[in-house]
Structures are given as C-alpha cells and as structure tokens.
Amino acid sequence: MLEALFPHLAQLRVDGVHAAGPVVRIEASTRAGHVACPGCGTLSDRVHSRYQRRLSDTAISSREVLIRLRVRRLFCDNT
C-alpha cells in the first residue's frame, strides 16, 4: 500500500518508530542492492562503508520528527 502511494520510497526500510514526549524518532535504512555510480553510471554493490544521516522533517501532530537514515557508501570499479 505505501509503495503505491509513495513509489519513490520503495528502496527505504523503516526499522523502527519511537514516540517519546514531543519527539518522534524514525530509524530507517536503504534496501537497494545495486546502486549506480553518480560519476559513470556503473552499477555497484561493493560496500565501502556505512554511515548515518540525521534528518529533520515537518511536525506530525505538533511533534518534532527526527529521522536517522543508515546508508551505504559503495566502491565503483571504474573510478
């Protein structure tokens, strides 16, 4: 259902939602297997490292929304 409404989020996996007081924290990660290199377009699935991005979104029912997104940095065999 969500993929039909938000197809651009199909490669996102929500790992947890925690509501505490005035804050909603969303833990998410990417699920794409292969990703195209932004420089040359070659597909890669070789993981170089992982890191977290911290995002802030608009409020939901007057509660602050914080998103912690775990992403992968990949090797490109052409660069």
PDB file of N, CA and C in Angstrom:
ATOM      1  N   MET A   1       0.822  -1.196   0.000  1.00  0.00           N
ATOM      2  CA  MET A   1       0.000   0.000   0.000  1.00  0.00           C
ATOM      3  C   MET A   1       0.866   1.261   0.000  1.00  0.00           C
ATOM      4  N   LEU A   2       1.853   1.322   0.911  1.00  0.00           N
ATOM      5  CA  LEU A   2       2.704   2.507   0.952  1.00  0.00           C
ATOM      6  C   LEU A   2       3.492   2.685  -0.338  1.00  0.00           C
ATOM      7  N   GLU A   3       3.943   1.575  -0.938  1.00  0.00           N
ATOM      8  CA  GLU A   3       4.693   1.683  -2.187  1.00  0.00           C
ATOM      9  C   GLU A   3       3.830   2.240  -3.310  1.00  0.00           C
ATOM     10  N   ALA A   4       2.532   1.990  -3.277  1.00  0.00           N
ATOM     11  CA  ALA A   4       1.630   2.549  -4.281  1.00  0.00           C
ATOM     12  C   ALA A   4       1.466   4.051  -4.079  1.00  0.00           C
ATOM     13  N   LEU A   5       1.428   4.484  -2.823  1.00  0.00           N
ATOM     14  CA  LEU A   5       1.260   5.905  -2.525  1.00  0.00           C
ATOM     15  C   LEU A   5       2.566   6.685  -2.649  1.00  0.00           C
ATOM     16  N   PHE A   6       3.679   6.051  -2.277  1.00  0.00           N
ATOM     17  CA  PHE A   6       4.981   6.718  -2.269  1.00  0.00           C
ATOM     18  C   PHE A   6       6.016   5.855  -2.994  1.00  0.00           C
ATOM     19  N   PRO A   7       5.927   5.726  -4.323  1.00  0.00           N
ATOM     20  CA  PRO A   7       6.842   4.835  -5.039  1.00  0.00           C
ATOM     21  C   PRO A   7       8.306   5.242  -4.914  1.00  0.00           C
ATOM     22  N   HIS A   8       8.587   6.520  -4.675  1.00  0.00           N
ATOM     23  CA  HIS A   8       9.966   6.976  -4.523  1.00  0.00           C
ATOM     24  C   HIS A   8      10.596   6.482  -3.220  1.00  0.00           C
ATOM     25  N   LEU A   9       9.793   5.936  -2.306  1.00  0.00           N
ATOM     26  CA  LEU A   9      10.311   5.400  -1.048  1.00  0.00           C
ATOM     27  C   LEU A   9      10.424   3.875  -1.071  1.00  0.00           C
ATOM     28  N   ALA A  10      10.312   3.264  -2.233  1.00  0.00           N
ATOM     29  CA  ALA A  10      10.323   1.799  -2.331  1.00  0.00           C
ATOM     30  C   ALA A  10      11.632   1.195  -1.835  1.00  0.00           C
ATOM     31  N   GLN A  11      12.743   1.912  -1.942  1.00  0.00           N
ATOM     32  CA  GLN A  11      14.041   1.385  -1.514  1.00  0.00           C
ATOM     33  C   GLN A  11      14.374   1.749  -0.070  1.00  0.00           C
ATOM     34  N   LEU A  12      13.389   2.205   0.676  1.00  0.00           N
ATOM     35  CA  LEU A  12      13.588   2.590   2.075  1.00  0.00           C
ATOM     36  C   LEU A  12      12.898   1.582   2.980  1.00  0.00           C
ATOM     37  N   ARG A  13      13.598   1.155   4.025  1.00  0.00           N
ATOM     38  CA  ARG A  13      13.021   0.229   5.003  1.00  0.00           C
ATOM     39  C   ARG A  13      12.945   0.955   6.341  1.00  0.00           C
ATOM     40  N   VAL A  14      11.763   1.008   6.925  1.00  0.00           N
ATOM     41  CA  VAL A  14      11.588   1.609   8.249  1.00  0.00           C
ATOM     42  C   VAL A  14      11.871   0.518   9.273  1.00  0.00           C
ATOM     43  N   ASP A  15      12.912   0.724  10.073  1.00  0.00           N
ATOM     44  CA  ASP A  15      13.335  -0.264  11.062  1.00  0.00           C
ATOM     45  C   ASP A  15      12.686  -0.046  12.418  1.00  0.00           C
ATOM     46  N   GLY A  16      12.201   1.163  12.667  1.00  0.00           N
ATOM     47  CA  GLY A  16      11.549   1.421  13.943  1.00  0.00           C
ATOM     48  C   GLY A  16      11.034   2.840  14.033  1.00  0.00           C
ATOM     49  N   VAL A  17       9.987   3.010  14.819  1.00  0.00           N
ATOM     50  CA  VAL A  17       9.419   4.331  15.096  1.00  0.00           C
ATOM     51  C   VAL A  17       9.265   4.426  16.601  1.00  0.00           C
ATOM     52  N   HIS A  18       9.829   5.479  17.185  1.00  0.00           N
ATOM     53  CA  HIS A  18       9.795   5.665  18.630  1.00  0.00           C
ATOM     54  C   HIS A  18       9.211   7.040  18.930  1.00  0.00           C
ATOM     55  N   ALA A  19       8.110   7.069  19.634  1.00  0.00           N
ATOM     56  CA  ALA A  19       7.474   8.331  20.023  1.00  0.00           C
ATOM     57  C   ALA A  19       7.686   8.516  21.519  1.00  0.00           C
ATOM     58  N   ALA A  20       8.372   9.592  21.876  1.00  0.00           N
ATOM     59  CA  ALA A  20       8.637   9.886  23.285  1.00  0.00           C
ATOM     60  C   ALA A  20       8.447  11.379  23.510  1.00  0.00           C
ATOM     61  N   GLY A  21       7.431  11.729  24.265  1.00  0.00           N
ATOM     62  CA  GLY A  21       7.162  13.146  24.530  1.00  0.00           C
ATOM     63  C   GLY A  21       6.857  13.890  23.251  1.00  0.00           C
ATOM     64  N   PRO A  22       7.532  15.021  23.044  1.00  0.00           N
ATOM     65  CA  PRO A  22       7.237  15.844  21.868  1.00  0.00           C
ATOM     66  C   PRO A  22       8.008  15.433  20.609  1.00  0.00           C
ATOM     67  N   VAL A  23       8.705  14.290  20.645  1.00  0.00           N
ATOM     68  CA  VAL A  23       9.571  13.896  19.529  1.00  0.00           C
ATOM     69  C   VAL A  23       9.189  12.511  19.001  1.00  0.00           C
ATOM     70  N   VAL A  24       9.168  12.385  17.665  1.00  0.00           N
ATOM     71  CA  VAL A  24       9.006  11.090  17.004  1.00  0.00           C
ATOM     72  C   VAL A  24      10.323  10.797  16.293  1.00  0.00           C
ATOM     73  N   ARG A  25      10.953   9.672  16.648  1.00  0.00           N
ATOM     74  CA  ARG A  25      12.209   9.268  16.021  1.00  0.00           C
ATOM     75  C   ARG A  25      11.932   8.089  15.093  1.00  0.00           C
ATOM     76  N   ILE A  26      12.395   8.231  13.855  1.00  0.00           N
ATOM     77  CA  ILE A  26      12.218   7.175  12.862  1.00  0.00           C
ATOM     78  C   ILE A  26      13.593   6.633  12.495  1.00  0.00           C
ATOM     79  N   GLU A  27      13.767   5.321  12.651  1.00  0.00           N
ATOM     80  CA  GLU A  27      15.003   4.637  12.262  1.00  0.00           C
ATOM     81  C   GLU A  27      14.735   3.994  10.907  1.00  0.00           C
ATOM     82  N   ALA A  28      15.582   4.279   9.918  1.00  0.00           N
ATOM     83  CA  ALA A  28      15.365   3.738   8.578  1.00  0.00           C
ATOM     84  C   ALA A  28      16.699   3.378   7.939  1.00  0.00           C
ATOM     85  N   SER A  29      16.631   2.544   6.907  1.00  0.00           N
ATOM     86  CA  SER A  29      17.829   2.173   6.164  1.00  0.00           C
ATOM     87  C   SER A  29      17.440   1.935   4.709  1.00  0.00           C
ATOM     88  N   THR A  30      18.455   1.969   3.851  1.00  0.00           N
ATOM     89  CA  THR A  30      18.210   1.728   2.431  1.00  0.00           C
ATOM     90  C   THR A  30      18.237   0.232   2.169  1.00  0.00           C
ATOM     91  N   ARG A  31      17.474  -0.222   1.165  1.00  0.00           N
ATOM     92  CA  ARG A  31      17.481  -1.640   0.842  1.00  0.00           C
ATOM     93  C   ARG A  31      17.909  -1.930  -0.588  1.00  0.00           C
ATOM     94  N   ALA A  32      18.338  -0.932  -1.302  1.00  0.00           N
ATOM     95  CA  ALA A  32      18.782  -1.146  -2.685  1.00  0.00           C
ATOM     96  C   ALA A  32      19.999  -2.064  -2.699  1.00  0.00           C
ATOM     97  N   GLY A  33      19.992  -3.048  -3.582  1.00  0.00           N
ATOM     98  CA  GLY A  33      21.125  -3.956  -3.702  1.00  0.00           C
ATOM     99  C   GLY A  33      22.243  -3.336  -4.520  1.00  0.00           C
ATOM    100  N   HIS A  34      21.921  -2.908  -5.717  1.00  0.00           N
ATOM    101  CA  HIS A  34      22.890  -2.280  -6.611  1.00  0.00           C
ATOM    102  C   HIS A  34      22.533  -0.809  -6.756  1.00  0.00           C
ATOM    103  N   VAL A  35      23.553   0.026  -6.788  1.00  0.00           N
ATOM    104  CA  VAL A  35      23.348   1.467  -6.941  1.00  0.00           C
ATOM    105  C   VAL A  35      24.266   1.963  -8.050  1.00  0.00           C
ATOM    106  N   ALA A  36      23.767   2.873  -8.876  1.00  0.00           N
ATOM    107  CA  ALA A  36      24.564   3.434  -9.966  1.00  0.00           C
ATOM    108  C   ALA A  36      25.532   4.483  -9.438  1.00  0.00           C
ATOM    109  N   CYS A  37      26.769   4.424  -9.913  1.00  0.00           N
ATOM    110  CA  CYS A  37      27.781   5.424  -9.577  1.00  0.00           C
ATOM    111  C   CYS A  37      27.325   6.768 -10.143  1.00  0.00           C
ATOM    112  N   PRO A  38      27.360   7.845  -9.342  1.00  0.00           N
ATOM    113  CA  PRO A  38      26.940   9.149  -9.863  1.00  0.00           C
ATOM    114  C   PRO A  38      27.896   9.700 -10.917  1.00  0.00           C
ATOM    115  N   GLY A  39      29.136   9.206 -10.948  1.00  0.00           N
ATOM    116  CA  GLY A  39      30.108   9.703 -11.914  1.00  0.00           C
ATOM    117  C   GLY A  39      30.023   9.046 -13.278  1.00  0.00           C
ATOM    118  N   CYS A  40      29.886   7.695 -13.282  1.00  0.00           N
ATOM    119  CA  CYS A  40      29.925   6.988 -14.570  1.00  0.00           C
ATOM    120  C   CYS A  40      28.686   6.144 -14.851  1.00  0.00           C
ATOM    121  N   GLY A  41      27.837   5.933 -13.853  1.00  0.00           N
ATOM    122  CA  GLY A  41      26.606   5.174 -14.054  1.00  0.00           C
ATOM    123  C   GLY A  41      26.735   3.673 -13.905  1.00  0.00           C
ATOM    124  N   THR A  42      27.941   3.168 -13.634  1.00  0.00           N
ATOM    125  CA  THR A  42      28.148   1.730 -13.457  1.00  0.00           C
ATOM    126  C   THR A  42      27.478   1.256 -12.173  1.00  0.00           C
ATOM    127  N   LEU A  43      26.786   0.106 -12.245  1.00  0.00           N
ATOM    128  CA  LEU A  43      26.153  -0.450 -11.053  1.00  0.00           C
ATOM    129  C   LEU A  43      27.197  -1.088 -10.150  1.00  0.00           C
ATOM    130  N   SER A  44      27.016  -0.900  -8.847  1.00  0.00           N
ATOM    131  CA  SER A  44      27.933  -1.474  -7.874  1.00  0.00           C
ATOM    132  C   SER A  44      27.154  -1.954  -6.662  1.00  0.00           C
ATOM    133  N   ASP A  45      27.654  -3.028  -6.039  1.00  0.00           N
ATOM    134  CA  ASP A  45      27.089  -3.487  -4.774  1.00  0.00           C
ATOM    135  C   ASP A  45      28.194  -3.738  -3.746  1.00  0.00           C
ATOM    136  N   ARG A  46      29.426  -3.280  -4.056  1.00  0.00           N
ATOM    137  CA  ARG A  46      30.563  -3.460  -3.145  1.00  0.00           C
ATOM    138  C   ARG A  46      30.563  -2.352  -2.095  1.00  0.00           C
ATOM    139  N   VAL A  47      30.291  -2.721  -0.863  1.00  0.00           N
ATOM    140  CA  VAL A  47      30.162  -1.742   0.219  1.00  0.00           C
ATOM    141  C   VAL A  47      31.538  -1.270   0.670  1.00  0.00           C
ATOM    142  N   HIS A  48      31.724   0.035   0.670  1.00  0.00           N
ATOM    143  CA  HIS A  48      32.948   0.670   1.167  1.00  0.00           C
ATOM    144  C   HIS A  48      32.812   0.939   2.657  1.00  0.00           C
ATOM    145  N   SER A  49      31.681   1.518   3.054  1.00  0.00           N
ATOM    146  CA  SER A  49      31.430   1.830   4.462  1.00  0.00           C
ATOM    147  C   SER A  49      29.950   2.150   4.637  1.00  0.00           C
ATOM    148  N   ARG A  50      29.575   2.328   5.878  1.00  0.00           N
ATOM    149  CA  ARG A  50      28.201   2.724   6.213  1.00  0.00           C
ATOM    150  C   ARG A  50      28.273   3.952   7.102  1.00  0.00           C
ATOM    151  N   TYR A  51      27.254   4.784   6.997  1.00  0.00           N
ATOM    152  CA  TYR A  51      27.180   5.950   7.871  1.00  0.00           C
ATOM    153  C   TYR A  51      25.727   6.331   8.074  1.00  0.00           C
ATOM    154  N   GLN A  52      25.497   7.229   9.021  1.00  0.00           N
ATOM    155  CA  GLN A  52      24.133   7.663   9.320  1.00  0.00           C
ATOM    156  C   GLN A  52      23.945   9.110   8.908  1.00  0.00           C
ATOM    157  N   ARG A  53      22.785   9.367   8.364  1.00  0.00           N
ATOM    158  CA  ARG A  53      22.357  10.741   8.085  1.00  0.00           C
ATOM    159  C   ARG A  53      21.265  11.066   9.082  1.00  0.00           C
ATOM    160  N   ARG A  54      21.311  12.250   9.617  1.00  0.00           N
ATOM    161  CA  ARG A  54      20.275  12.693  10.550  1.00  0.00           C
ATOM    162  C   ARG A  54      19.467  13.780   9.855  1.00  0.00           C
ATOM    163  N   LEU A  55      18.177  13.515   9.728  1.00  0.00           N
ATOM    164  CA  LEU A  55      17.282  14.417   9.018  1.00  0.00           C
ATOM    165  C   LEU A  55      16.201  14.905   9.963  1.00  0.00           C
ATOM    166  N   SER A  56      15.700  16.071   9.687  1.00  0.00           N
ATOM    167  CA  SER A  56      14.578  16.616  10.441  1.00  0.00           C
ATOM    168  C   SER A  56      13.458  16.878   9.449  1.00  0.00           C
ATOM    169  N   ASP A  57      12.244  16.514   9.818  1.00  0.00           N
ATOM    170  CA  ASP A  57      11.111  16.663   8.911  1.00  0.00           C
ATOM    171  C   ASP A  57      10.063  17.555   9.561  1.00  0.00           C
ATOM    172  N   THR A  58       9.009  17.850   8.821  1.00  0.00           N
ATOM    173  CA  THR A  58       7.936  18.677   9.361  1.00  0.00           C
ATOM    174  C   THR A  58       7.236  17.946  10.497  1.00  0.00           C
ATOM    175  N   ALA A  59       6.642  18.696  11.364  1.00  0.00           N
ATOM    176  CA  ALA A  59       5.991  18.134  12.548  1.00  0.00           C
ATOM    177  C   ALA A  59       4.787  17.275  12.167  1.00  0.00           C
ATOM    178  N   ILE A  60       4.563  16.249  12.981  1.00  0.00           N
ATOM    179  CA  ILE A  60       3.381  15.401  12.857  1.00  0.00           C
ATOM    180  C   ILE A  60       2.582  15.575  14.136  1.00  0.00           C
ATOM    181  N   SER A  61       1.372  16.091  14.027  1.00  0.00           N
ATOM    182  CA  SER A  61       0.520  16.324  15.208  1.00  0.00           C
ATOM    183  C   SER A  61       1.272  17.095  16.283  1.00  0.00           C
ATOM    184  N   SER A  62       1.952  18.149  15.885  1.00  0.00           N
ATOM    185  CA  SER A  62       2.715  19.028  16.786  1.00  0.00           C
ATOM    186  C   SER A  62       3.910  18.339  17.434  1.00  0.00           C
ATOM    187  N   ARG A  63       4.362  17.226  16.888  1.00  0.00           N
ATOM    188  CA  ARG A  63       5.536  16.533  17.410  1.00  0.00           C
ATOM    189  C   ARG A  63       6.678  16.661  16.413  1.00  0.00           C
ATOM    190  N   GLU A  64       7.862  16.984  16.922  1.00  0.00           N
ATOM    191  CA  GLU A  64       9.056  17.079  16.092  1.00  0.00           C
ATOM    192  C   GLU A  64       9.388  15.697  15.526  1.00  0.00           C
ATOM    193  N   VAL A  65       9.814  15.641  14.262  1.00  0.00           N
ATOM    194  CA  VAL A  65      10.149  14.373  13.616  1.00  0.00           C
ATOM    195  C   VAL A  65      11.642  14.360  13.296  1.00  0.00           C
ATOM    196  N   LEU A  66      12.342  13.370  13.848  1.00  0.00           N
ATOM    197  CA  LEU A  66      13.763  13.180  13.577  1.00  0.00           C
ATOM    198  C   LEU A  66      13.937  11.836  12.888  1.00  0.00           C
ATOM    199  N   ILE A  67      14.669  11.835  11.782  1.00  0.00           N
ATOM    200  CA  ILE A  67      14.881  10.615  11.010  1.00  0.00           C
ATOM    201  C   ILE A  67      16.365  10.271  11.042  1.00  0.00           C
ATOM    202  N   ARG A  68      16.668   9.048  11.445  1.00  0.00           N
ATOM    203  CA  ARG A  68      18.045   8.555  11.398  1.00  0.00           C
ATOM    204  C   ARG A  68      18.094   7.525  10.277  1.00  0.00           C
ATOM    205  N   LEU A  69      18.776   7.878   9.184  1.00  0.00           N
ATOM    206  CA  LEU A  69      18.825   7.048   7.983  1.00  0.00           C
ATOM    207  C   LEU A  69      20.210   6.431   7.843  1.00  0.00           C
ATOM    208  N   ARG A  70      20.288   5.103   7.859  1.00  0.00           N
ATOM    209  CA  ARG A  70      21.552   4.391   7.666  1.00  0.00           C
ATOM    210  C   ARG A  70      21.726   4.132   6.172  1.00  0.00           C
ATOM    211  N   VAL A  71      22.839   4.593   5.633  1.00  0.00           N
ATOM    212  CA  VAL A  71      23.109   4.444   4.199  1.00  0.00           C
ATOM    213  C   VAL A  71      24.480   3.798   3.999  1.00  0.00           C
ATOM    214  N   ARG A  72      24.693   3.293   2.788  1.00  0.00           N
ATOM    215  CA  ARG A  72      25.967   2.668   2.446  1.00  0.00           C
ATOM    216  C   ARG A  72      26.728   3.554   1.471  1.00  0.00           C
ATOM    217  N   ARG A  73      28.031   3.548   1.590  1.00  0.00           N
ATOM    218  CA  ARG A  73      28.911   4.174   0.605  1.00  0.00           C
ATOM    219  C   ARG A  73      29.532   3.009  -0.165  1.00  0.00           C
ATOM    220  N   LEU A  74      29.474   3.063  -1.490  1.00  0.00           N
ATOM    221  CA  LEU A  74      29.901   1.927  -2.310  1.00  0.00           C
ATOM    222  C   LEU A  74      31.158   2.237  -3.112  1.00  0.00           C
ATOM    223  N   PHE A  75      31.898   1.186  -3.456  1.00  0.00           N
ATOM    224  CA  PHE A  75      33.044   1.297  -4.356  1.00  0.00           C
ATOM    225  C   PHE A  75      32.546   1.316  -5.797  1.00  0.00           C
ATOM    226  N   CYS A  76      33.234   2.051  -6.656  1.00  0.00           N
ATOM    227  CA  CYS A  76      32.995   1.984  -8.099  1.00  0.00           C
ATOM    228  C   CYS A  76      34.249   1.393  -8.730  1.00  0.00           C
ATOM    229  N   ASP A  77      34.097   0.340  -9.521  1.00  0.00           N
ATOM    230  CA  ASP A  77      35.248  -0.313 -10.145  1.00  0.00           C
ATOM    231  C   ASP A  77      35.842   0.499 -11.295  1.00  0.00           C
ATOM    232  N   ASN A  78      35.142   1.534 -11.765  1.00  0.00           N
ATOM    233  CA  ASN A  78      35.638   2.340 -12.888  1.00  0.00           C
ATOM    234  C   ASN A  78      36.368   3.600 -12.460  1.00  0.00           C
ATOM    235  N   THR A  79      36.286   3.969 -11.194  1.00  0.00           N
ATOM    236  CA  THR A  79      36.942   5.221 -10.770  1.00  0.00           C
ATOM    237  C   THR A  79      37.992   4.964  -9.733  1.00  0.00           C
TER     238      THR A  79
END
